[in-house]
Amino acid sequence: MDKSLADFLDESGLSAPGDTSALCDKPRIRALLIAAARAGRAVSYSEMLGQLGFRFTRPKMRNLCRTLDAIDADGRAAGEPELAVLVVRESDRLPGQGWWTGRRDYAGEWTGAEALRFVEALQAKAFAYWQTSEL
């Protein structure tokens, strides 16, 4: 199927930005992450973008990741487990490379079985915390 010019521009991140404010809506994204944690499941980048009303594009994913970083910074200050770890690639169920950058609590490769065990342990902390906490 041929893509339209608008589809090509959107996927390339070259289209007019439109209203992308949902990508910066920390309370809304945090609520979606807490709901996922309470359900005991991770969500893909595509799924999270879809819940915000967008199709997956790399520029939108990068905007989302900046918001995820800010949500985790707020959570650390409040003594909460990180939530960005719940947003993963569909291919291997791991967060993207940017999530691993600058981590001081993990020194291994950011792909593979060891990385998956590390991520699943952090996800389990988020699940346990939010399944027993009240907002």
C-alpha atoms as a PDB file:
ATOM      1  CA  MET A   1       0.000   0.000   0.000  1.00  0.00           C
ATOM      2  CA  ASP A   2       1.370   3.413  -0.937  1.00  0.00           C
ATOM      3  CA  LYS A   3       1.790   5.954   1.809  1.00  0.00           C
ATOM      4  CA  SER A   4       0.445   9.417   1.411  1.00  0.00           C
ATOM      5  CA  LEU A   5       2.786  12.377   1.595  1.00  0.00           C
ATOM      6  CA  ALA A   6       1.194  13.292   4.943  1.00  0.00           C
ATOM      7  CA  ASP A   7       1.933   9.788   6.305  1.00  0.00           C
ATOM      8  CA  PHE A   8       5.535   9.980   5.096  1.00  0.00           C
ATOM      9  CA  LEU A   9       6.055  13.431   6.638  1.00  0.00           C
ATOM     10  CA  ASP A  10       4.446  12.386   9.916  1.00  0.00           C
ATOM     11  CA  GLU A  11       6.540   9.210  10.196  1.00  0.00           C
ATOM     12  CA  SER A  12       9.673  11.177   9.374  1.00  0.00           C
ATOM     13  CA  GLY A  13       8.910  13.778  12.001  1.00  0.00           C
ATOM     14  CA  LEU A  14       8.709  16.464   9.330  1.00  0.00           C
ATOM     15  CA  SER A  15       4.995  17.217   9.491  1.00  0.00           C
ATOM     16  CA  ALA A  16       3.452  20.211  11.167  1.00  0.00           C
ATOM     17  CA  PRO A  17       3.514  19.490  14.877  1.00  0.00           C
ATOM     18  CA  GLY A  18      -0.202  20.001  15.574  1.00  0.00           C
ATOM     19  CA  ASP A  19      -1.290  19.692  19.177  1.00  0.00           C
ATOM     20  CA  THR A  20       1.264  17.475  20.861  1.00  0.00           C
ATOM     21  CA  SER A  21       0.578  18.787  24.372  1.00  0.00           C
ATOM     22  CA  ALA A  22      -0.586  15.329  25.482  1.00  0.00           C
ATOM     23  CA  LEU A  23       3.030  14.164  25.156  1.00  0.00           C
ATOM     24  CA  CYS A  24       3.984  16.585  27.951  1.00  0.00           C
ATOM     25  CA  ASP A  25       0.950  15.931  30.171  1.00  0.00           C
ATOM     26  CA  LYS A  26       2.716  14.485  33.214  1.00  0.00           C
ATOM     27  CA  PRO A  27      -0.447  13.885  35.296  1.00  0.00           C
ATOM     28  CA  ARG A  28      -2.185  12.047  32.458  1.00  0.00           C
ATOM     29  CA  ILE A  29       0.832   9.924  31.520  1.00  0.00           C
ATOM     30  CA  ARG A  30       1.564   9.173  35.187  1.00  0.00           C
ATOM     31  CA  ALA A  31      -2.060   8.027  35.636  1.00  0.00           C
ATOM     32  CA  LEU A  32      -1.722   5.713  32.604  1.00  0.00           C
ATOM     33  CA  LEU A  33       1.503   4.273  34.024  1.00  0.00           C
ATOM     34  CA  ILE A  34      -0.013   3.759  37.466  1.00  0.00           C
ATOM     35  CA  ALA A  35      -2.987   1.977  35.869  1.00  0.00           C
ATOM     36  CA  ALA A  36      -0.569  -0.309  34.006  1.00  0.00           C
ATOM     37  CA  ALA A  37       1.383  -0.972  37.218  1.00  0.00           C
ATOM     38  CA  ARG A  38      -1.809  -1.804  39.090  1.00  0.00           C
ATOM     39  CA  ALA A  39      -2.723  -4.202  36.276  1.00  0.00           C
ATOM     40  CA  GLY A  40       0.755  -5.761  36.556  1.00  0.00           C
ATOM     41  CA  ARG A  41       1.773  -5.117  32.982  1.00  0.00           C
ATOM     42  CA  ALA A  42       4.196  -3.171  30.864  1.00  0.00           C
ATOM     43  CA  VAL A  43       3.064  -1.171  27.820  1.00  0.00           C
ATOM     44  CA  SER A  44       4.815  -0.641  24.521  1.00  0.00           C
ATOM     45  CA  TYR A  45       5.844   2.780  23.275  1.00  0.00           C
ATOM     46  CA  SER A  46       3.247   2.393  20.505  1.00  0.00           C
ATOM     47  CA  GLU A  47       0.528   1.501  22.988  1.00  0.00           C
ATOM     48  CA  MET A  48       1.336   4.468  25.234  1.00  0.00           C
ATOM     49  CA  LEU A  49       1.366   6.848  22.274  1.00  0.00           C
ATOM     50  CA  GLY A  50      -1.931   5.339  21.116  1.00  0.00           C
ATOM     51  CA  GLN A  51      -3.488   5.961  24.524  1.00  0.00           C
ATOM     52  CA  LEU A  52      -2.466   9.593  24.113  1.00  0.00           C
ATOM     53  CA  GLY A  53      -4.044   9.784  20.659  1.00  0.00           C
ATOM     54  CA  PHE A  54      -0.948   9.429  18.479  1.00  0.00           C
ATOM     55  CA  ARG A  55       0.497   6.960  16.030  1.00  0.00           C
ATOM     56  CA  PHE A  56       4.059   5.896  16.722  1.00  0.00           C
ATOM     57  CA  THR A  57       6.765   8.141  15.319  1.00  0.00           C
ATOM     58  CA  ARG A  58      10.286   8.517  16.653  1.00  0.00           C
ATOM     59  CA  PRO A  59       9.915  12.253  17.326  1.00  0.00           C
ATOM     60  CA  LYS A  60       6.749  11.629  19.353  1.00  0.00           C
ATOM     61  CA  MET A  61       8.446   8.772  21.195  1.00  0.00           C
ATOM     62  CA  ARG A  62      11.364  11.064  22.080  1.00  0.00           C
ATOM     63  CA  ASN A  63       8.943  13.682  23.424  1.00  0.00           C
ATOM     64  CA  LEU A  64       7.201  10.995  25.456  1.00  0.00           C
ATOM     65  CA  CYS A  65      10.551   9.821  26.845  1.00  0.00           C
ATOM     66  CA  ARG A  66      11.371  13.315  28.118  1.00  0.00           C
ATOM     67  CA  THR A  67       8.066  13.295  29.998  1.00  0.00           C
ATOM     68  CA  LEU A  68       8.762   9.798  31.349  1.00  0.00           C
ATOM     69  CA  ASP A  69      12.114  11.053  32.680  1.00  0.00           C
ATOM     70  CA  ALA A  70      10.369  13.956  34.424  1.00  0.00           C
ATOM     71  CA  ILE A  71       7.759  11.618  35.930  1.00  0.00           C
ATOM     72  CA  ASP A  72      10.509   9.389  37.309  1.00  0.00           C
ATOM     73  CA  ALA A  73      12.384  12.388  38.735  1.00  0.00           C
ATOM     74  CA  ASP A  74       9.218  13.458  40.565  1.00  0.00           C
ATOM     75  CA  GLY A  75       8.669   9.884  41.741  1.00  0.00           C
ATOM     76  CA  ARG A  76      12.210   9.580  43.106  1.00  0.00           C
ATOM     77  CA  ALA A  77      11.674  12.783  45.078  1.00  0.00           C
ATOM     78  CA  ALA A  78       8.480  11.251  46.534  1.00  0.00           C
ATOM     79  CA  GLY A  79      10.145   7.911  47.339  1.00  0.00           C
ATOM     80  CA  GLU A  80       8.207   6.012  44.669  1.00  0.00           C
ATOM     81  CA  PRO A  81       9.583   3.300  42.373  1.00  0.00           C
ATOM     82  CA  GLU A  82      10.228   4.322  38.796  1.00  0.00           C
ATOM     83  CA  LEU A  83       7.428   4.070  36.268  1.00  0.00           C
ATOM     84  CA  ALA A  84       9.238   4.683  32.961  1.00  0.00           C
ATOM     85  CA  VAL A  85      10.532   1.097  33.166  1.00  0.00           C
ATOM     86  CA  LEU A  86       6.991   0.016  32.287  1.00  0.00           C
ATOM     87  CA  VAL A  87       7.270   1.496  28.775  1.00  0.00           C
ATOM     88  CA  VAL A  88       9.075  -0.971  26.536  1.00  0.00           C
ATOM     89  CA  ARG A  89       9.806  -1.913  22.953  1.00  0.00           C
ATOM     90  CA  GLU A  90       7.437  -4.462  21.450  1.00  0.00           C
ATOM     91  CA  SER A  91      10.347  -6.456  20.015  1.00  0.00           C
ATOM     92  CA  ASP A  92      12.121  -7.452  23.238  1.00  0.00           C
ATOM     93  CA  ARG A  93      10.013  -5.936  26.056  1.00  0.00           C
ATOM     94  CA  LEU A  94      12.907  -3.710  27.148  1.00  0.00           C
ATOM     95  CA  PRO A  95      13.043   0.070  27.482  1.00  0.00           C
ATOM     96  CA  GLY A  96      14.864   1.934  24.743  1.00  0.00           C
ATOM     97  CA  GLN A  97      18.526   2.847  24.847  1.00  0.00           C
ATOM     98  CA  GLY A  98      17.884   6.314  26.300  1.00  0.00           C
ATOM     99  CA  TRP A  99      16.377   4.788  29.446  1.00  0.00           C
ATOM    100  CA  TRP A 100      19.651   2.956  30.119  1.00  0.00           C
ATOM    101  CA  THR A 101      21.875   5.999  29.600  1.00  0.00           C
ATOM    102  CA  GLY A 102      23.399   7.276  32.813  1.00  0.00           C
ATOM    103  CA  ARG A 103      22.064   4.467  35.025  1.00  0.00           C
ATOM    104  CA  ARG A 104      24.296   3.896  38.019  1.00  0.00           C
ATOM    105  CA  ASP A 105      22.489   0.779  39.227  1.00  0.00           C
ATOM    106  CA  TYR A 106      23.223  -1.383  36.178  1.00  0.00           C
ATOM    107  CA  ALA A 107      26.500  -1.923  34.340  1.00  0.00           C
ATOM    108  CA  GLY A 108      25.606  -4.651  31.831  1.00  0.00           C
ATOM    109  CA  GLU A 109      24.416  -4.618  28.241  1.00  0.00           C
ATOM    110  CA  TRP A 110      21.072  -2.939  27.633  1.00  0.00           C
ATOM    111  CA  THR A 111      19.785  -5.887  25.605  1.00  0.00           C
ATOM    112  CA  GLY A 112      19.557  -9.595  26.332  1.00  0.00           C
ATOM    113  CA  ALA A 113      18.571 -11.845  29.204  1.00  0.00           C
ATOM    114  CA  GLU A 114      20.489  -9.981  31.934  1.00  0.00           C
ATOM    115  CA  ALA A 115      18.883  -6.685  30.941  1.00  0.00           C
ATOM    116  CA  LEU A 116      15.453  -8.312  30.874  1.00  0.00           C
ATOM    117  CA  ARG A 117      15.941  -9.716  34.401  1.00  0.00           C
ATOM    118  CA  PHE A 118      16.969  -6.248  35.635  1.00  0.00           C
ATOM    119  CA  VAL A 119      13.947  -4.592  33.994  1.00  0.00           C
ATOM    120  CA  GLU A 120      11.533  -7.233  35.259  1.00  0.00           C
ATOM    121  CA  ALA A 121      12.828  -6.739  38.823  1.00  0.00           C
ATOM    122  CA  LEU A 122      12.204  -2.977  38.586  1.00  0.00           C
ATOM    123  CA  GLN A 123       8.798  -3.586  37.035  1.00  0.00           C
ATOM    124  CA  ALA A 124       7.930  -5.986  39.885  1.00  0.00           C
ATOM    125  CA  LYS A 125       8.748  -3.207  42.384  1.00  0.00           C
ATOM    126  CA  ALA A 126       6.417  -0.817  40.555  1.00  0.00           C
ATOM    127  CA  PHE A 127       3.676  -3.461  40.373  1.00  0.00           C
ATOM    128  CA  ALA A 128       3.933  -4.282  44.085  1.00  0.00           C
ATOM    129  CA  TYR A 129       4.015  -0.630  45.131  1.00  0.00           C
ATOM    130  CA  TRP A 130       1.059   0.528  43.045  1.00  0.00           C
ATOM    131  CA  GLN A 131      -1.051  -2.574  43.671  1.00  0.00           C
ATOM    132  CA  THR A 132      -0.944  -1.814  47.408  1.00  0.00           C
ATOM    133  CA  SER A 133      -0.830   2.010  47.373  1.00  0.00           C
ATOM    134  CA  GLU A 134      -3.700   4.430  47.218  1.00  0.00           C
ATOM    135  CA  LEU A 135      -3.450   7.741  45.403  1.00  0.00           C
END
